[in-house]
Amino acid sequence: MKLAVDRRRLSSGNARNVCLWQPFESGSTPTLLVVVVVVVVVVEVVVVVVVVVVVVVVVVVVSVVVVVVVVVVVVVSSSSSSSSSSCSSNNMI
């Protein structure tokens, strides 16, 4: 199938936009296939971005939890060692 384009459209520069949704000549890629490929690529990029954001959020949350646990363990161990030392000094009296 040949694509008929008006010469006036060619001179106005709108021929590319006008022809975008019309059938291509035989042997060239159909427009619908191009649209499907573009949509698939956009969806894949969005999925990759979402996965990267989720991974970054999980890493940050896990890091914060680890830091909080370490701080709590250090505080509890230091307070228990100070209380045990005071208890031992009380026992010695």
C-alpha atoms as a PDB file:
ATOM      1  CA  MET A   1       0.000   0.000   0.000  1.00  0.00           C
ATOM      2  CA  LYS A   2       1.423   3.355  -1.049  1.00  0.00           C
ATOM      3  CA  LEU A   3       1.125   6.397   1.142  1.00  0.00           C
ATOM      4  CA  ALA A   4      -0.381   9.407  -0.574  1.00  0.00           C
ATOM      5  CA  VAL A   5       0.753  12.734   0.856  1.00  0.00           C
ATOM      6  CA  ASP A   6      -0.578  16.102  -0.227  1.00  0.00           C
ATOM      7  CA  ARG A   7       2.182  18.358  -1.556  1.00  0.00           C
ATOM      8  CA  ARG A   8       0.822  21.328   0.394  1.00  0.00           C
ATOM      9  CA  ARG A   9       1.245  19.385   3.622  1.00  0.00           C
ATOM     10  CA  LEU A  10       4.819  18.621   2.679  1.00  0.00           C
ATOM     11  CA  SER A  11       5.593  22.295   2.212  1.00  0.00           C
ATOM     12  CA  SER A  12       3.912  23.289   5.491  1.00  0.00           C
ATOM     13  CA  GLY A  13       6.008  20.811   7.465  1.00  0.00           C
ATOM     14  CA  ASN A  14       3.019  18.916   8.878  1.00  0.00           C
ATOM     15  CA  ALA A  15       3.490  15.874   6.674  1.00  0.00           C
ATOM     16  CA  ARG A  16       5.402  13.978   9.352  1.00  0.00           C
ATOM     17  CA  ASN A  17       2.614  14.470  11.909  1.00  0.00           C
ATOM     18  CA  VAL A  18      -0.098  13.740   9.367  1.00  0.00           C
ATOM     19  CA  CYS A  19       1.581  10.541   8.197  1.00  0.00           C
ATOM     20  CA  LEU A  20       2.378   9.244  11.664  1.00  0.00           C
ATOM     21  CA  TRP A  21      -0.864   7.334  12.111  1.00  0.00           C
ATOM     22  CA  GLN A  22      -1.334   6.389   8.451  1.00  0.00           C
ATOM     23  CA  PRO A  23      -0.099   3.068   7.052  1.00  0.00           C
ATOM     24  CA  PHE A  24       3.488   2.918   5.879  1.00  0.00           C
ATOM     25  CA  GLU A  25       4.623   1.621   2.531  1.00  0.00           C
ATOM     26  CA  SER A  26       5.038  -2.119   2.270  1.00  0.00           C
ATOM     27  CA  GLY A  27       8.256  -3.341   3.803  1.00  0.00           C
ATOM     28  CA  SER A  28       8.489  -0.643   6.462  1.00  0.00           C
ATOM     29  CA  THR A  29       7.572  -0.944  10.132  1.00  0.00           C
ATOM     30  CA  PRO A  30       3.881  -0.457  10.943  1.00  0.00           C
ATOM     31  CA  THR A  31       3.102   2.489  13.217  1.00  0.00           C
ATOM     32  CA  LEU A  32       1.152   0.338  15.674  1.00  0.00           C
ATOM     33  CA  LEU A  33       4.225  -1.807  16.253  1.00  0.00           C
ATOM     34  CA  VAL A  34       6.305   1.308  16.928  1.00  0.00           C
ATOM     35  CA  VAL A  35       3.718   2.551  19.430  1.00  0.00           C
ATOM     36  CA  VAL A  36       3.632  -0.833  21.178  1.00  0.00           C
ATOM     37  CA  VAL A  37       7.435  -0.931  21.399  1.00  0.00           C
ATOM     38  CA  VAL A  38       7.543   2.604  22.825  1.00  0.00           C
ATOM     39  CA  VAL A  39       4.862   1.754  25.401  1.00  0.00           C
ATOM     40  CA  VAL A  40       6.689  -1.426  26.426  1.00  0.00           C
ATOM     41  CA  VAL A  41       9.986   0.455  26.810  1.00  0.00           C
ATOM     42  CA  VAL A  42       8.324   3.182  28.892  1.00  0.00           C
ATOM     43  CA  VAL A  43       6.655   0.585  31.128  1.00  0.00           C
ATOM     44  CA  GLU A  44       9.960  -1.236  31.607  1.00  0.00           C
ATOM     45  CA  VAL A  45      11.730   2.004  32.534  1.00  0.00           C
ATOM     46  CA  VAL A  46       8.994   2.846  35.048  1.00  0.00           C
ATOM     47  CA  VAL A  47       9.215  -0.639  36.576  1.00  0.00           C
ATOM     48  CA  VAL A  48      13.006  -0.388  36.877  1.00  0.00           C
ATOM     49  CA  VAL A  49      12.751   3.048  38.519  1.00  0.00           C
ATOM     50  CA  VAL A  50      10.135   1.777  40.989  1.00  0.00           C
ATOM     51  CA  VAL A  51      12.262  -1.262  41.856  1.00  0.00           C
ATOM     52  CA  VAL A  52      15.349   0.917  42.399  1.00  0.00           C
ATOM     53  CA  VAL A  53      13.382   3.298  44.644  1.00  0.00           C
ATOM     54  CA  VAL A  54      11.981   0.389  46.675  1.00  0.00           C
ATOM     55  CA  VAL A  55      15.455  -1.127  47.092  1.00  0.00           C
ATOM     56  CA  VAL A  56      16.903   2.217  48.219  1.00  0.00           C
ATOM     57  CA  VAL A  57      14.071   2.714  50.730  1.00  0.00           C
ATOM     58  CA  VAL A  58      14.533  -0.809  52.111  1.00  0.00           C
ATOM     59  CA  VAL A  59      18.295  -0.293  52.478  1.00  0.00           C
ATOM     60  CA  VAL A  60      17.775   3.027  54.284  1.00  0.00           C
ATOM     61  CA  VAL A  61      15.149   1.551  56.630  1.00  0.00           C
ATOM     62  CA  VAL A  62      17.320  -1.468  57.436  1.00  0.00           C
ATOM     63  CA  SER A  63      20.311   0.795  58.092  1.00  0.00           C
ATOM     64  CA  VAL A  64      18.290   2.991  60.459  1.00  0.00           C
ATOM     65  CA  VAL A  65      16.962  -0.063  62.311  1.00  0.00           C
ATOM     66  CA  VAL A  66      20.484  -1.476  62.692  1.00  0.00           C
ATOM     67  CA  VAL A  67      21.797   1.845  64.030  1.00  0.00           C
ATOM     68  CA  VAL A  68      18.902   2.113  66.514  1.00  0.00           C
ATOM     69  CA  VAL A  69      19.450  -1.466  67.720  1.00  0.00           C
ATOM     70  CA  VAL A  70      23.189  -0.861  68.177  1.00  0.00           C
ATOM     71  CA  VAL A  71      22.542   2.352  70.130  1.00  0.00           C
ATOM     72  CA  VAL A  72      19.970   0.623  72.350  1.00  0.00           C
ATOM     73  CA  VAL A  73      22.329  -2.284  73.014  1.00  0.00           C
ATOM     74  CA  VAL A  74      25.181   0.081  73.898  1.00  0.00           C
ATOM     75  CA  VAL A  75      22.976   2.172  76.199  1.00  0.00           C
ATOM     76  CA  VAL A  76      21.478  -0.882  77.908  1.00  0.00           C
ATOM     77  CA  SER A  77      24.854  -2.557  78.355  1.00  0.00           C
ATOM     78  CA  SER A  78      26.443   0.603  79.739  1.00  0.00           C
ATOM     79  CA  SER A  79      23.548   1.215  82.135  1.00  0.00           C
ATOM     80  CA  SER A  80      23.538  -2.414  83.287  1.00  0.00           C
ATOM     81  CA  SER A  81      27.291  -2.371  83.842  1.00  0.00           C
ATOM     82  CA  SER A  82      27.051   0.849  85.861  1.00  0.00           C
ATOM     83  CA  SER A  83      24.154  -0.511  87.919  1.00  0.00           C
ATOM     84  CA  SER A  84      25.960  -3.796  88.498  1.00  0.00           C
ATOM     85  CA  SER A  85      29.067  -1.944  89.616  1.00  0.00           C
ATOM     86  CA  SER A  86      26.997   0.113  92.045  1.00  0.00           C
ATOM     87  CA  CYS A  87      25.372  -3.076  93.301  1.00  0.00           C
ATOM     88  CA  SER A  88      28.732  -4.709  93.823  1.00  0.00           C
ATOM     89  CA  SER A  89      29.992  -1.667  95.695  1.00  0.00           C
ATOM     90  CA  ASN A  90      26.851  -1.756  97.858  1.00  0.00           C
ATOM     91  CA  ASN A  91      27.425  -5.417  98.561  1.00  0.00           C
ATOM     92  CA  MET A  92      30.964  -4.715  99.617  1.00  0.00           C
ATOM     93  CA  ILE A  93      29.789  -2.219 102.198  1.00  0.00           C
END
